Amino acid sequence: MIFAMQRRHFLITPLAFTTGATMADTPKVQSLDDVLRWLDKLDRATLVHSGTAWKMSAVLEHMAQSVDMSLDGFPEPKSTLFQATLGSAAFAVFRLRGQMTHGLTEPIPGAPSLPQTEGWKPGVARLRTAVQRFQAHTGPLQPHFAYGALSRTDFALAHALHIANHQDEILVA
């Protein structure tokens, strides 16, 4: 997850034309409760497809890793100086815009390898468990690898914005 301003792009695939599925049919998540409702939709879907080089199993695991690492710690944090300057400034911009942009196939530095398996439902369950774990957590949170220390509210927002950004690459039918 390297957070850099990138130009927006639109995903158009033959799949969108054959199924009629578009991202316009799925509102972007804005909260962790929205994430759980979106995961319910993925559970009911007949087809979920990633429009990147990552399979859906990897996309969902990546999102779950980010949530879990806010509780357990990120394996390779950026320097304290980076977190206090560029990292916190990037998050401030994302918070102000209400939107995050980042490389959608950039793994979290030092995170375990992402599965590239078929099927999305195990990943849906994995992300749901991570979000529910975060929501139930009452202890301290770990600093984000790029943004540094965040409040519970800001971390919840960061997770929702991160997941919403990944919605840009996902087709659901």
Protein backbone atom coordinates (compact mmCIF):
# COMPACT_ATOMS: atom_id res chain seq x y z
CA MET A 1 0.00 0.00 0.00
CA ILE A 2 2.02 2.92 -1.22
CA PHE A 3 -0.17 5.98 -1.10
CA ALA A 4 0.51 8.31 -3.97
CA MET A 5 -1.68 10.53 -6.02
CA GLN A 6 -2.46 8.76 -9.26
CA ARG A 7 -4.68 9.60 -12.15
CA ARG A 8 -8.05 7.90 -12.00
CA HIS A 9 -8.81 5.22 -14.52
CA PHE A 10 -11.93 3.39 -15.43
CA LEU A 11 -12.09 -0.36 -15.65
CA ILE A 12 -13.93 -1.62 -18.69
CA THR A 13 -13.78 -5.32 -19.43
CA PRO A 14 -15.76 -7.68 -21.60
CA LEU A 15 -17.16 -9.08 -18.32
CA ALA A 16 -18.93 -5.79 -17.63
CA PHE A 17 -20.67 -5.99 -20.98
CA THR A 18 -21.72 -9.63 -20.67
CA THR A 19 -23.03 -9.41 -17.10
CA GLY A 20 -24.24 -5.85 -16.98
CA ALA A 21 -22.27 -5.41 -13.73
CA THR A 22 -20.86 -1.97 -13.11
CA MET A 23 -19.36 -0.22 -10.12
CA ALA A 24 -22.12 2.40 -10.44
CA ASP A 25 -24.47 -0.30 -9.12
CA THR A 26 -22.44 -0.54 -5.90
CA PRO A 27 -22.14 2.56 -3.73
CA LYS A 28 -18.66 3.11 -2.33
CA VAL A 29 -18.28 2.13 1.30
CA GLN A 30 -17.91 5.04 3.71
CA SER A 31 -17.71 3.24 7.04
CA LEU A 32 -16.87 -0.17 8.45
CA ASP A 33 -20.60 -0.90 8.78
CA ASP A 34 -20.86 -0.19 5.03
CA VAL A 35 -17.98 -2.62 4.50
CA LEU A 36 -19.92 -5.36 6.30
CA ARG A 37 -23.02 -4.68 4.15
CA TRP A 38 -20.83 -4.75 1.01
CA LEU A 39 -19.37 -8.10 2.12
CA ASP A 40 -22.95 -9.40 2.45
CA LYS A 41 -23.46 -8.43 -1.21
CA LEU A 42 -20.25 -10.25 -2.20
CA ASP A 43 -21.47 -13.33 -0.33
CA ARG A 44 -24.71 -13.30 -2.35
CA ALA A 45 -23.05 -12.56 -5.70
CA THR A 46 -22.78 -15.12 -8.46
CA LEU A 47 -19.58 -13.58 -9.80
CA VAL A 48 -16.93 -11.33 -8.25
CA HIS A 49 -13.94 -10.39 -10.38
CA SER A 50 -10.82 -8.34 -9.80
CA GLY A 51 -9.81 -6.13 -12.69
CA THR A 52 -6.14 -6.16 -11.68
CA ALA A 53 -3.39 -8.77 -11.78
CA TRP A 54 -4.48 -9.85 -8.29
CA LYS A 55 -7.21 -12.45 -7.98
CA MET A 56 -10.06 -11.64 -5.59
CA SER A 57 -8.53 -13.87 -2.92
CA ALA A 58 -5.46 -11.61 -2.89
CA VAL A 59 -7.46 -8.37 -2.91
CA LEU A 60 -9.60 -9.45 0.04
CA GLU A 61 -6.60 -10.81 1.98
CA HIS A 62 -4.72 -7.53 1.40
CA MET A 63 -7.63 -5.55 2.84
CA ALA A 64 -7.92 -7.93 5.80
CA GLN A 65 -4.16 -7.72 6.46
CA SER A 66 -4.39 -3.94 6.69
CA VAL A 67 -7.21 -4.12 9.23
CA ASP A 68 -5.50 -6.82 11.29
CA MET A 69 -2.16 -4.99 11.26
CA SER A 70 -3.79 -1.92 12.79
CA LEU A 71 -4.30 -4.17 15.83
CA ASP A 72 -1.20 -6.37 15.65
CA GLY A 73 1.40 -4.06 14.09
CA PHE A 74 2.73 -3.51 10.59
CA PRO A 75 5.86 -5.56 9.76
CA GLU A 76 7.88 -2.83 8.00
CA PRO A 77 6.85 0.67 9.04
CA LYS A 78 8.21 3.73 7.29
CA SER A 79 10.52 5.94 9.35
CA THR A 80 9.06 8.09 12.11
CA LEU A 81 10.07 11.14 10.06
CA PHE A 82 8.14 9.87 7.03
CA GLN A 83 5.08 9.08 9.16
CA ALA A 84 5.17 12.53 10.78
CA THR A 85 5.53 14.38 7.48
CA LEU A 86 4.57 12.81 4.15
CA GLY A 87 2.52 9.97 5.65
CA SER A 88 0.39 12.12 7.92
CA ALA A 89 -0.01 14.73 5.15
CA ALA A 90 -1.22 12.04 2.72
CA PHE A 91 -3.81 10.81 5.21
CA ALA A 92 -4.93 14.39 5.90
CA VAL A 93 -5.55 14.85 2.16
CA PHE A 94 -7.43 11.55 1.90
CA ARG A 95 -9.56 12.44 4.95
CA LEU A 96 -10.31 15.90 3.54
CA ARG A 97 -11.22 14.50 0.10
CA GLY A 98 -13.12 11.55 1.56
CA GLN A 99 -11.28 9.38 -0.92
CA MET A 100 -8.01 7.46 -1.04
CA THR A 101 -5.95 6.58 -4.05
CA HIS A 102 -3.10 4.12 -3.94
CA GLY A 103 -1.47 1.46 -6.08
CA LEU A 104 -4.10 -1.26 -6.12
CA THR A 105 -1.55 -4.06 -6.47
CA GLU A 106 0.98 -2.71 -3.96
CA PRO A 107 1.32 -5.14 -1.05
CA ILE A 108 1.78 -3.89 2.49
CA PRO A 109 5.55 -3.73 3.06
CA GLY A 110 6.71 -6.92 4.76
CA ALA A 111 3.23 -8.52 4.76
CA PRO A 112 2.86 -12.25 4.12
CA SER A 113 2.35 -13.31 0.52
CA LEU A 114 -1.14 -12.93 -0.84
CA PRO A 115 -3.05 -16.00 -2.02
CA GLN A 116 -3.77 -16.12 -5.73
CA THR A 117 -6.51 -18.73 -5.59
CA GLU A 118 -9.87 -18.92 -7.29
CA GLY A 119 -12.97 -18.11 -5.30
CA TRP A 120 -13.78 -15.05 -3.27
CA LYS A 121 -16.03 -16.33 -0.48
CA PRO A 122 -13.22 -17.41 1.89
CA GLY A 123 -11.72 -13.93 1.45
CA VAL A 124 -15.08 -12.35 2.22
CA ALA A 125 -15.20 -14.29 5.50
CA ARG A 126 -11.59 -13.34 6.27
CA LEU A 127 -12.20 -9.61 5.73
CA ARG A 128 -15.47 -9.75 7.71
CA THR A 129 -13.63 -11.33 10.66
CA ALA A 130 -10.91 -8.66 10.51
CA VAL A 131 -13.45 -5.79 10.43
CA GLN A 132 -15.48 -7.28 13.28
CA ARG A 133 -12.29 -7.81 15.27
CA PHE A 134 -11.35 -4.15 14.75
CA GLN A 135 -14.83 -2.99 15.76
CA ALA A 136 -14.75 -5.07 18.95
CA HIS A 137 -11.18 -4.10 19.89
CA THR A 138 -10.90 -1.83 22.92
CA GLY A 139 -7.14 -1.80 23.37
CA PRO A 140 -4.50 0.42 21.81
CA LEU A 141 -4.02 0.53 18.06
CA GLN A 142 -0.68 0.13 16.33
CA PRO A 143 0.76 2.95 14.21
CA HIS A 144 -0.04 2.72 10.50
CA PHE A 145 3.08 1.88 8.51
CA ALA A 146 2.83 5.14 6.53
CA TYR A 147 0.47 7.46 8.46
CA GLY A 148 1.80 6.81 11.96
CA ALA A 149 -0.44 6.91 15.02
CA LEU A 150 -4.13 7.32 14.24
CA SER A 151 -7.14 7.62 16.49
CA ARG A 152 -9.70 4.81 16.42
CA THR A 153 -12.01 7.06 14.35
CA ASP A 154 -9.25 7.92 11.86
CA PHE A 155 -8.17 4.29 11.57
CA ALA A 156 -11.77 3.21 10.89
CA LEU A 157 -11.95 5.90 8.21
CA ALA A 158 -8.59 4.85 6.75
CA HIS A 159 -9.81 1.25 6.48
CA ALA A 160 -13.10 2.32 4.86
CA LEU A 161 -11.30 4.61 2.37
CA HIS A 162 -8.79 1.85 1.58
CA ILE A 163 -11.53 -0.68 0.91
CA ALA A 164 -13.53 1.86 -1.12
CA ASN A 165 -10.48 2.46 -3.30
CA HIS A 166 -10.26 -1.28 -4.00
CA GLN A 167 -13.94 -1.26 -5.00
CA ASP A 168 -12.76 0.60 -8.12
CA GLU A 169 -11.22 -2.65 -9.39
CA ILE A 170 -13.98 -5.08 -8.46
CA LEU A 171 -16.88 -6.18 -10.63
CA VAL A 172 -19.81 -7.84 -8.86
CA ALA A 173 -22.66 -9.70 -10.55
